[in-house]
């Protein structure tokens, strides 16, 4: 379980940083009970829905309770977080 207040803290902090390994390492240090992953939004399947969307990233939750990790929108069963970087289209 990840409390909504904690998720909001993570989002607020990540919004002020450059997405990348340094940020993920900092989040792992600040929140050692949770697993963090960084990827690009294009790496996420079209059916997955983010827990929240920010300007530079979407935050997805990960549920690993059934021995197989899967994206979830349920903070009550989440054990991990994916920050999916959003790259703006060059239209």
N, C-alpha and C. Protein backbone atom coordinates (compact mmCIF):
# COMPACT_ATOMS: atom_id res chain seq x y z
N UNK A 1 0.83 -1.18 0.00
CA UNK A 1 0.00 0.00 0.00
C UNK A 1 0.88 1.24 0.00
N UNK A 2 0.51 2.19 -0.82
CA UNK A 2 1.19 3.47 -0.84
C UNK A 2 0.14 4.55 -0.58
N UNK A 3 0.33 5.32 0.47
CA UNK A 3 -0.62 6.36 0.84
C UNK A 3 -0.69 7.43 -0.24
N UNK A 4 -1.86 7.98 -0.44
CA UNK A 4 -2.05 9.02 -1.44
C UNK A 4 -1.16 10.24 -1.14
N UNK A 5 -1.00 10.57 0.13
CA UNK A 5 -0.13 11.69 0.49
C UNK A 5 1.31 11.43 0.06
N UNK A 6 1.76 10.19 0.21
CA UNK A 6 3.12 9.84 -0.22
C UNK A 6 3.24 9.93 -1.73
N UNK A 7 2.23 9.45 -2.45
CA UNK A 7 2.25 9.55 -3.92
C UNK A 7 2.30 11.01 -4.36
N UNK A 8 1.55 11.86 -3.69
CA UNK A 8 1.58 13.28 -4.04
C UNK A 8 2.93 13.91 -3.75
N UNK A 9 3.56 13.52 -2.64
CA UNK A 9 4.92 14.00 -2.31
C UNK A 9 5.90 13.60 -3.41
N UNK A 10 5.82 12.34 -3.82
CA UNK A 10 6.70 11.82 -4.86
C UNK A 10 6.49 12.60 -6.16
N UNK A 11 5.24 12.81 -6.52
CA UNK A 11 4.94 13.56 -7.75
C UNK A 11 5.46 14.99 -7.68
N UNK A 12 5.22 15.64 -6.55
CA UNK A 12 5.68 17.02 -6.40
C UNK A 12 7.20 17.12 -6.49
N UNK A 13 7.90 16.20 -5.82
CA UNK A 13 9.35 16.20 -5.88
C UNK A 13 9.85 15.90 -7.29
N UNK A 14 9.30 14.87 -7.92
CA UNK A 14 9.74 14.48 -9.26
C UNK A 14 9.47 15.59 -10.28
N UNK A 15 8.43 16.36 -10.06
CA UNK A 15 8.09 17.46 -10.98
C UNK A 15 9.14 18.55 -10.99
N UNK A 16 9.96 18.62 -9.94
CA UNK A 16 10.99 19.65 -9.86
C UNK A 16 12.35 19.16 -10.32
N UNK A 17 12.43 17.90 -10.76
CA UNK A 17 13.70 17.27 -11.11
C UNK A 17 13.71 16.86 -12.58
N UNK A 18 14.91 16.55 -13.06
CA UNK A 18 15.06 15.96 -14.39
C UNK A 18 14.85 14.46 -14.24
N UNK A 19 13.96 13.90 -15.06
CA UNK A 19 13.72 12.46 -14.98
C UNK A 19 14.95 11.71 -15.48
N UNK A 20 15.33 10.69 -14.72
CA UNK A 20 16.49 9.89 -15.08
C UNK A 20 16.93 9.05 -13.90
N UNK A 21 18.03 8.38 -14.05
CA UNK A 21 18.54 7.47 -13.01
C UNK A 21 18.85 8.20 -11.71
N UNK A 22 19.36 9.43 -11.79
CA UNK A 22 19.67 10.17 -10.56
C UNK A 22 18.41 10.40 -9.74
N UNK A 23 17.32 10.77 -10.39
CA UNK A 23 16.06 10.97 -9.68
C UNK A 23 15.56 9.65 -9.08
N UNK A 24 15.60 8.58 -9.86
CA UNK A 24 15.15 7.27 -9.37
C UNK A 24 15.97 6.85 -8.16
N UNK A 25 17.27 7.05 -8.20
CA UNK A 25 18.12 6.71 -7.06
C UNK A 25 17.77 7.55 -5.84
N UNK A 26 17.49 8.82 -6.03
CA UNK A 26 17.10 9.70 -4.92
C UNK A 26 15.76 9.23 -4.33
N UNK A 27 14.80 8.88 -5.18
CA UNK A 27 13.51 8.39 -4.69
C UNK A 27 13.68 7.08 -3.92
N UNK A 28 14.56 6.21 -4.39
CA UNK A 28 14.81 4.95 -3.69
C UNK A 28 15.41 5.20 -2.30
N UNK A 29 16.23 6.24 -2.19
CA UNK A 29 16.81 6.60 -0.91
C UNK A 29 15.76 7.20 0.02
N UNK A 30 14.93 8.07 -0.52
CA UNK A 30 13.89 8.74 0.28
C UNK A 30 12.75 7.80 0.67
N UNK A 31 12.44 6.85 -0.19
CA UNK A 31 11.31 5.94 0.01
C UNK A 31 11.77 4.49 -0.19
N UNK A 32 12.55 3.97 0.75
CA UNK A 32 13.16 2.64 0.56
C UNK A 32 12.17 1.48 0.55
N UNK A 33 10.95 1.70 0.98
CA UNK A 33 9.97 0.61 1.01
C UNK A 33 9.30 0.35 -0.33
N UNK A 34 9.58 1.21 -1.32
CA UNK A 34 8.91 1.10 -2.61
C UNK A 34 9.92 0.89 -3.73
N UNK A 35 9.47 0.21 -4.76
CA UNK A 35 10.29 -0.03 -5.94
C UNK A 35 9.97 1.07 -6.97
N UNK A 36 11.00 1.65 -7.56
CA UNK A 36 10.83 2.72 -8.54
C UNK A 36 11.42 2.30 -9.88
N UNK A 37 10.71 2.66 -10.94
CA UNK A 37 11.16 2.41 -12.31
C UNK A 37 10.94 3.67 -13.12
N UNK A 38 11.85 3.91 -14.04
CA UNK A 38 11.74 5.04 -14.96
C UNK A 38 11.75 4.47 -16.38
N UNK A 39 10.82 4.94 -17.18
CA UNK A 39 10.76 4.52 -18.58
C UNK A 39 10.15 5.67 -19.38
N UNK A 40 9.89 5.42 -20.63
CA UNK A 40 9.22 6.41 -21.46
C UNK A 40 7.76 6.02 -21.60
N UNK A 41 6.90 7.00 -21.75
CA UNK A 41 5.47 6.75 -21.87
C UNK A 41 5.17 5.77 -23.01
N UNK A 42 5.95 5.84 -24.06
CA UNK A 42 5.77 4.92 -25.20
C UNK A 42 6.00 3.46 -24.81
N UNK A 43 6.69 3.21 -23.70
CA UNK A 43 6.95 1.84 -23.25
C UNK A 43 5.76 1.23 -22.50
N UNK A 44 4.80 2.06 -22.15
CA UNK A 44 3.62 1.61 -21.41
C UNK A 44 2.53 1.20 -22.39
N UNK A 45 1.87 0.11 -22.12
CA UNK A 45 0.79 -0.35 -23.00
C UNK A 45 -0.36 0.64 -23.05
N UNK A 46 -1.05 0.62 -24.17
CA UNK A 46 -2.12 1.59 -24.41
C UNK A 46 -3.29 1.43 -23.45
N UNK A 47 -3.47 0.26 -22.85
CA UNK A 47 -4.61 0.05 -21.97
C UNK A 47 -4.36 0.49 -20.54
N UNK A 48 -3.10 0.72 -20.17
CA UNK A 48 -2.78 1.13 -18.81
C UNK A 48 -3.19 2.58 -18.58
N UNK A 49 -3.73 2.83 -17.40
CA UNK A 49 -4.15 4.17 -17.03
C UNK A 49 -3.26 4.68 -15.91
N UNK A 50 -2.68 5.88 -16.08
CA UNK A 50 -1.83 6.41 -15.02
C UNK A 50 -2.62 6.79 -13.78
N UNK A 51 -1.96 6.72 -12.65
CA UNK A 51 -2.57 7.19 -11.40
C UNK A 51 -2.73 8.70 -11.46
N UNK A 52 -1.73 9.36 -12.05
CA UNK A 52 -1.81 10.80 -12.27
C UNK A 52 -0.94 11.18 -13.45
N UNK A 53 -1.24 12.29 -14.03
CA UNK A 53 -0.47 12.81 -15.16
C UNK A 53 0.12 14.16 -14.78
N UNK A 54 1.39 14.32 -15.07
CA UNK A 54 2.07 15.60 -14.88
C UNK A 54 2.60 16.06 -16.23
N UNK A 55 3.14 17.24 -16.28
CA UNK A 55 3.60 17.79 -17.56
C UNK A 55 4.70 16.95 -18.20
N UNK A 56 5.64 16.48 -17.40
CA UNK A 56 6.80 15.77 -17.95
C UNK A 56 6.76 14.25 -17.74
N UNK A 57 5.79 13.76 -16.97
CA UNK A 57 5.71 12.32 -16.73
C UNK A 57 4.30 11.92 -16.33
N UNK A 58 4.02 10.64 -16.48
CA UNK A 58 2.82 10.02 -15.94
C UNK A 58 3.26 9.04 -14.87
N UNK A 59 2.52 8.98 -13.78
CA UNK A 59 2.87 8.08 -12.69
C UNK A 59 1.91 6.89 -12.71
N UNK A 60 2.49 5.70 -12.79
CA UNK A 60 1.74 4.45 -12.76
C UNK A 60 2.08 3.71 -11.47
N UNK A 61 1.16 2.93 -10.98
CA UNK A 61 1.38 2.11 -9.80
C UNK A 61 1.61 0.67 -10.23
N UNK A 62 2.39 -0.06 -9.44
CA UNK A 62 2.71 -1.46 -9.72
C UNK A 62 2.21 -2.31 -8.56
N UNK A 63 1.50 -3.37 -8.89
CA UNK A 63 1.03 -4.35 -7.92
C UNK A 63 1.81 -5.63 -8.18
N UNK A 64 2.52 -6.10 -7.17
CA UNK A 64 3.31 -7.33 -7.31
C UNK A 64 2.82 -8.43 -6.38
N UNK A 65 1.59 -8.35 -5.95
CA UNK A 65 1.09 -9.29 -4.95
C UNK A 65 0.87 -10.71 -5.46
N UNK A 66 0.69 -10.90 -6.75
CA UNK A 66 0.43 -12.23 -7.29
C UNK A 66 1.65 -12.84 -7.97
N UNK A 67 2.84 -12.54 -7.49
CA UNK A 67 4.09 -13.07 -8.01
C UNK A 67 4.41 -12.59 -9.42
N UNK A 68 3.58 -11.73 -9.95
CA UNK A 68 3.80 -11.17 -11.27
C UNK A 68 3.43 -9.70 -11.21
N UNK A 69 4.37 -8.84 -11.50
CA UNK A 69 4.10 -7.41 -11.43
C UNK A 69 3.18 -6.97 -12.56
N UNK A 70 2.23 -6.11 -12.21
CA UNK A 70 1.33 -5.57 -13.22
C UNK A 70 0.96 -4.14 -12.84
N UNK A 71 0.67 -3.34 -13.83
CA UNK A 71 0.27 -1.97 -13.58
C UNK A 71 -1.12 -1.96 -12.98
N UNK A 72 -1.33 -1.03 -12.07
CA UNK A 72 -2.59 -0.95 -11.34
C UNK A 72 -2.92 0.51 -11.07
N UNK A 73 -4.16 0.78 -10.78
CA UNK A 73 -4.54 2.13 -10.37
C UNK A 73 -4.93 2.15 -8.89
N UNK A 74 -4.71 1.03 -8.21
CA UNK A 74 -5.10 0.87 -6.81
C UNK A 74 -3.90 1.10 -5.89
N UNK A 75 -3.88 2.26 -5.24
CA UNK A 75 -2.78 2.58 -4.32
C UNK A 75 -2.76 1.63 -3.13
N UNK A 76 -3.92 1.08 -2.80
CA UNK A 76 -4.01 0.16 -1.66
C UNK A 76 -3.26 -1.15 -1.86
N UNK A 77 -3.05 -1.54 -3.10
CA UNK A 77 -2.32 -2.78 -3.38
C UNK A 77 -0.97 -2.53 -4.05
N UNK A 78 -0.60 -1.28 -4.19
CA UNK A 78 0.63 -0.93 -4.90
C UNK A 78 1.87 -1.14 -4.02
N UNK A 79 2.92 -1.60 -4.67
CA UNK A 79 4.21 -1.75 -3.99
C UNK A 79 5.32 -1.04 -4.76
N UNK A 80 4.97 -0.50 -5.90
CA UNK A 80 5.97 0.16 -6.71
C UNK A 80 5.37 1.27 -7.55
N UNK A 81 6.28 2.04 -8.12
CA UNK A 81 5.89 3.22 -8.90
C UNK A 81 6.70 3.27 -10.18
N UNK A 82 6.03 3.58 -11.26
CA UNK A 82 6.69 3.80 -12.55
C UNK A 82 6.50 5.26 -12.91
N UNK A 83 7.60 5.94 -13.16
CA UNK A 83 7.56 7.29 -13.72
C UNK A 83 7.83 7.15 -15.22
N UNK A 84 6.80 7.41 -15.99
CA UNK A 84 6.89 7.27 -17.44
C UNK A 84 7.05 8.67 -18.05
N UNK A 85 8.23 8.90 -18.59
CA UNK A 85 8.56 10.22 -19.13
C UNK A 85 7.75 10.51 -20.39
N UNK A 86 7.17 11.70 -20.41
CA UNK A 86 6.39 12.15 -21.55
C UNK A 86 7.27 13.06 -22.41
N UNK A 87 7.46 12.68 -23.65
CA UNK A 87 8.23 13.47 -24.59
C UNK A 87 7.22 14.21 -25.48
N UNK A 88 7.27 15.55 -25.48
CA UNK A 88 6.30 16.28 -26.30
C UNK A 88 6.50 16.01 -27.79
N UNK A 89 5.38 15.96 -28.51
CA UNK A 89 5.43 15.80 -29.96
C UNK A 89 5.95 17.08 -30.59
N UNK A 90 6.72 16.93 -31.64
CA UNK A 90 7.24 18.09 -32.37
C UNK A 90 6.36 18.35 -33.57
N UNK A 91 5.17 18.83 -33.30
CA UNK A 91 4.23 19.11 -34.40
C UNK A 91 4.47 20.47 -34.99
